[in-house]
Amino acid sequence: MIPDDDPSRSLTVADPDDPGTTYISLVGNTYAMLVTGEQTNGRYCLIDMRVPDGGGPPPHRHDFEEMFTILEGEIEFTFRSEKHTLGAGSTIIIPADAPHNFRNASGASARMLCMCTPAGQDEYFLRIGDVVAGKDAPPPQMSEDELAERRRRAAELASTYRSEFL
C-alpha cells in the first residue's frame, strides 16, 4: 500500500543560480549543493559539478549508488580500471562498492549532475571542502600545509560517510 501524503514535506525547486545555493570548492572542482539529504529525508542528494580541465577526485569507492549526467563538455570515468569517455547528454551509473573515479581530460571545462542515493555525499563535501561565493569563484589559495590538512580530513571522515580512497 502507498502511505498517505506527508504534508510536512514540501516541494523542492533546485536552481543553481539561486543566491541561496551553497557552492563548495573541492579537489579543484566547484560543486553546487542543489538538493540535500535534509530536503529528501536522506533518500538522495543532487550536486551540480563544475569540473575544470584536469579536475576530478582520486580513485575511491563507497556503499551508495551514484548517477552522473554530463551537461557540458566531456568527462573520462574509470570504472573497475576500465576507462569510459562520455559527452554531453550521456548518463553513467556507478553501482555501490565499485572502485571508480572521474577526470576531465578534455582540455575544456565540463559540467555534470551527480545524484547519490542514499544521501550523505552532500554532507561529506560540506565537511571537507571550502564554501566559495559562487559557481565562477576561484578555489581558495592554500599553502601546502592547508592542502595536507584537507587531505587528512577527507581521509579521516571517509569511513563516516561510507567511503574509502584507493
Protein backbone atom coordinates (compact mmCIF):
# COMPACT_ATOMS: atom_id res chain seq x y z
CA MET A 1 0.00 0.00 0.00
CA ILE A 2 1.08 3.53 -0.69
CA PRO A 3 1.20 5.60 2.51
CA ASP A 4 -0.78 8.81 2.87
CA ASP A 5 0.78 12.03 1.64
CA ASP A 6 3.14 13.60 4.18
CA PRO A 7 2.19 17.30 4.25
CA SER A 8 5.27 18.11 6.35
CA ARG A 9 7.37 17.56 3.20
CA SER A 10 7.40 20.49 0.81
CA LEU A 11 8.09 20.92 -2.87
CA THR A 12 11.78 21.40 -3.64
CA VAL A 13 12.90 23.50 -6.60
CA ALA A 14 16.61 23.38 -7.39
CA ASP A 15 18.19 26.29 -9.27
CA PRO A 16 21.98 26.53 -9.44
CA ASP A 17 21.64 30.31 -9.91
CA ASP A 18 19.58 30.76 -6.74
CA PRO A 19 21.51 33.11 -4.41
CA GLY A 20 20.87 30.66 -1.57
CA THR A 21 22.74 27.82 -3.29
CA THR A 22 25.82 26.62 -1.40
CA TYR A 23 28.95 26.22 -3.55
CA ILE A 24 31.86 24.07 -2.41
CA SER A 25 35.40 24.10 -3.79
CA LEU A 26 36.86 20.60 -3.62
CA VAL A 27 39.78 18.97 -5.46
CA GLY A 28 39.80 21.87 -7.92
CA ASN A 29 36.11 21.44 -8.77
CA THR A 30 33.14 23.60 -7.78
CA TYR A 31 30.09 21.73 -6.50
CA ALA A 32 26.65 23.35 -6.09
CA MET A 33 24.51 21.59 -3.50
CA LEU A 34 21.18 21.60 -5.38
CA VAL A 35 19.19 19.12 -3.31
CA THR A 36 20.41 17.92 0.07
CA GLY A 37 19.65 14.81 2.06
CA GLU A 38 17.97 17.04 4.60
CA GLN A 39 15.42 18.01 1.92
CA THR A 40 14.76 14.38 0.89
CA ASN A 41 14.72 12.66 4.28
CA GLY A 42 18.07 11.12 3.34
CA ARG A 43 16.79 9.41 0.20
CA TYR A 44 19.17 11.14 -2.23
CA CYS A 45 21.14 14.31 -2.92
CA LEU A 46 21.78 16.16 -6.18
CA ILE A 47 25.01 18.04 -6.85
CA ASP A 48 25.85 20.26 -9.85
CA MET A 49 29.55 19.65 -10.53
CA ARG A 50 31.74 22.05 -12.49
CA VAL A 51 34.97 20.30 -13.36
CA PRO A 52 37.86 22.24 -14.92
CA ASP A 53 40.31 20.60 -17.29
CA GLY A 54 42.41 18.21 -15.20
CA GLY A 55 39.87 18.16 -12.35
CA GLY A 56 38.41 15.13 -10.64
CA PRO A 57 38.71 13.07 -7.44
CA PRO A 58 41.20 10.29 -6.72
CA PRO A 59 40.12 6.65 -7.12
CA HIS A 60 37.61 5.69 -4.44
CA ARG A 61 34.56 3.57 -3.67
CA HIS A 62 31.53 3.80 -1.41
CA ASP A 63 28.46 1.81 -0.43
CA PHE A 64 25.93 4.04 -2.20
CA GLU A 65 24.88 4.47 -5.82
CA GLU A 66 25.97 7.43 -7.96
CA MET A 67 24.44 8.61 -11.22
CA PHE A 68 26.19 11.24 -13.33
CA THR A 69 24.62 13.09 -16.27
CA ILE A 70 27.01 15.14 -18.40
CA LEU A 71 25.54 18.57 -19.15
CA GLU A 72 28.51 20.24 -20.86
CA GLY A 73 31.87 19.04 -22.09
CA GLU A 74 33.38 15.61 -21.68
CA ILE A 75 34.38 13.51 -18.66
CA GLU A 76 36.50 10.36 -18.50
CA PHE A 77 35.25 7.83 -15.94
CA THR A 78 37.38 4.94 -14.76
CA PHE A 79 35.20 2.08 -13.56
CA ARG A 80 36.93 -1.06 -12.27
CA SER A 81 40.11 0.03 -14.14
CA GLU A 82 38.29 0.48 -17.48
CA LYS A 83 38.03 3.98 -19.00
CA HIS A 84 34.82 5.37 -20.48
CA THR A 85 34.69 8.85 -22.03
CA LEU A 86 31.25 10.48 -22.01
CA GLY A 87 29.98 13.69 -23.56
CA ALA A 88 27.03 15.99 -23.00
CA GLY A 89 23.72 14.14 -22.77
CA SER A 90 25.22 10.87 -21.53
CA THR A 91 24.44 9.30 -18.16
CA ILE A 92 26.55 6.78 -16.25
CA ILE A 93 25.54 4.87 -13.12
CA ILE A 94 28.21 3.70 -10.71
CA PRO A 95 26.98 0.77 -8.59
CA ALA A 96 27.66 0.75 -4.87
CA ASP A 97 31.02 -0.65 -3.73
CA ALA A 98 32.68 -0.42 -7.19
CA PRO A 99 36.08 1.29 -7.49
CA HIS A 100 35.90 4.37 -9.71
CA ASN A 101 36.91 7.95 -10.32
CA PHE A 102 36.41 10.62 -12.95
CA ARG A 103 38.69 13.12 -14.62
CA ASN A 104 38.23 15.91 -17.07
CA ALA A 105 40.93 15.28 -19.67
CA SER A 106 39.17 17.15 -22.47
CA GLY A 107 41.13 20.42 -22.50
CA ALA A 108 37.98 22.41 -21.64
CA SER A 109 35.72 22.74 -18.62
CA ALA A 110 32.83 20.32 -18.08
CA ARG A 111 29.66 20.24 -16.04
CA MET A 112 27.56 17.35 -14.78
CA LEU A 113 24.84 16.46 -12.32
CA CYS A 114 25.57 13.83 -9.69
CA MET A 115 22.80 12.07 -7.79
CA CYS A 116 23.76 9.93 -4.81
CA THR A 117 21.32 7.54 -3.20
CA PRO A 118 21.04 7.43 -0.31
CA ALA A 119 22.21 10.95 0.55
CA GLY A 120 25.31 11.70 2.58
CA GLN A 121 27.83 12.73 -0.05
CA ASP A 122 26.45 16.28 0.20
CA GLU A 123 27.28 16.38 3.93
CA TYR A 124 30.73 14.89 3.33
CA PHE A 125 31.56 17.53 0.73
CA LEU A 126 30.39 20.29 3.09
CA ARG A 127 32.70 18.97 5.81
CA ILE A 128 35.83 18.54 3.68
CA GLY A 129 35.50 21.32 1.08
CA ASP A 130 35.57 25.09 1.26
CA VAL A 131 32.48 27.23 0.74
CA VAL A 132 33.00 29.71 -2.12
CA ALA A 133 30.94 32.68 -3.29
CA GLY A 134 29.51 31.12 -6.46
CA LYS A 135 29.93 28.86 -9.46
CA ASP A 136 32.65 31.04 -11.00
CA ALA A 137 34.55 31.75 -7.78
CA PRO A 138 38.18 30.65 -7.89
CA PRO A 139 39.27 27.95 -5.47
CA PRO A 140 40.87 29.31 -2.30
CA GLN A 141 44.64 29.70 -2.41
CA MET A 142 46.12 27.29 0.13
CA SER A 143 49.55 26.53 1.46
CA GLU A 144 50.96 23.01 1.29
CA ASP A 145 50.11 22.59 4.97
CA GLU A 146 46.48 23.62 4.34
CA LEU A 147 46.22 21.21 1.40
CA ALA A 148 47.66 18.42 3.54
CA GLU A 149 45.09 19.23 6.25
CA ARG A 150 42.24 18.96 3.69
CA ARG A 151 43.53 15.57 2.52
CA ARG A 152 43.89 14.38 6.13
CA ARG A 153 40.35 15.50 6.98
CA ALA A 154 38.93 13.83 3.83
CA ALA A 155 40.65 10.53 4.70
CA GLU A 156 39.66 10.75 8.36
CA LEU A 157 35.97 11.37 7.59
CA ALA A 158 35.70 8.96 4.63
CA SER A 159 34.56 5.97 6.70
CA THR A 160 31.93 8.11 8.47
CA TYR A 161 30.42 8.73 5.03
CA ARG A 162 30.78 5.09 3.94
CA SER A 163 33.65 5.80 1.52
CA GLU A 164 37.26 4.81 1.09
CA PHE A 165 40.11 6.09 -1.06
CA LEU A 166 42.05 3.53 -3.07
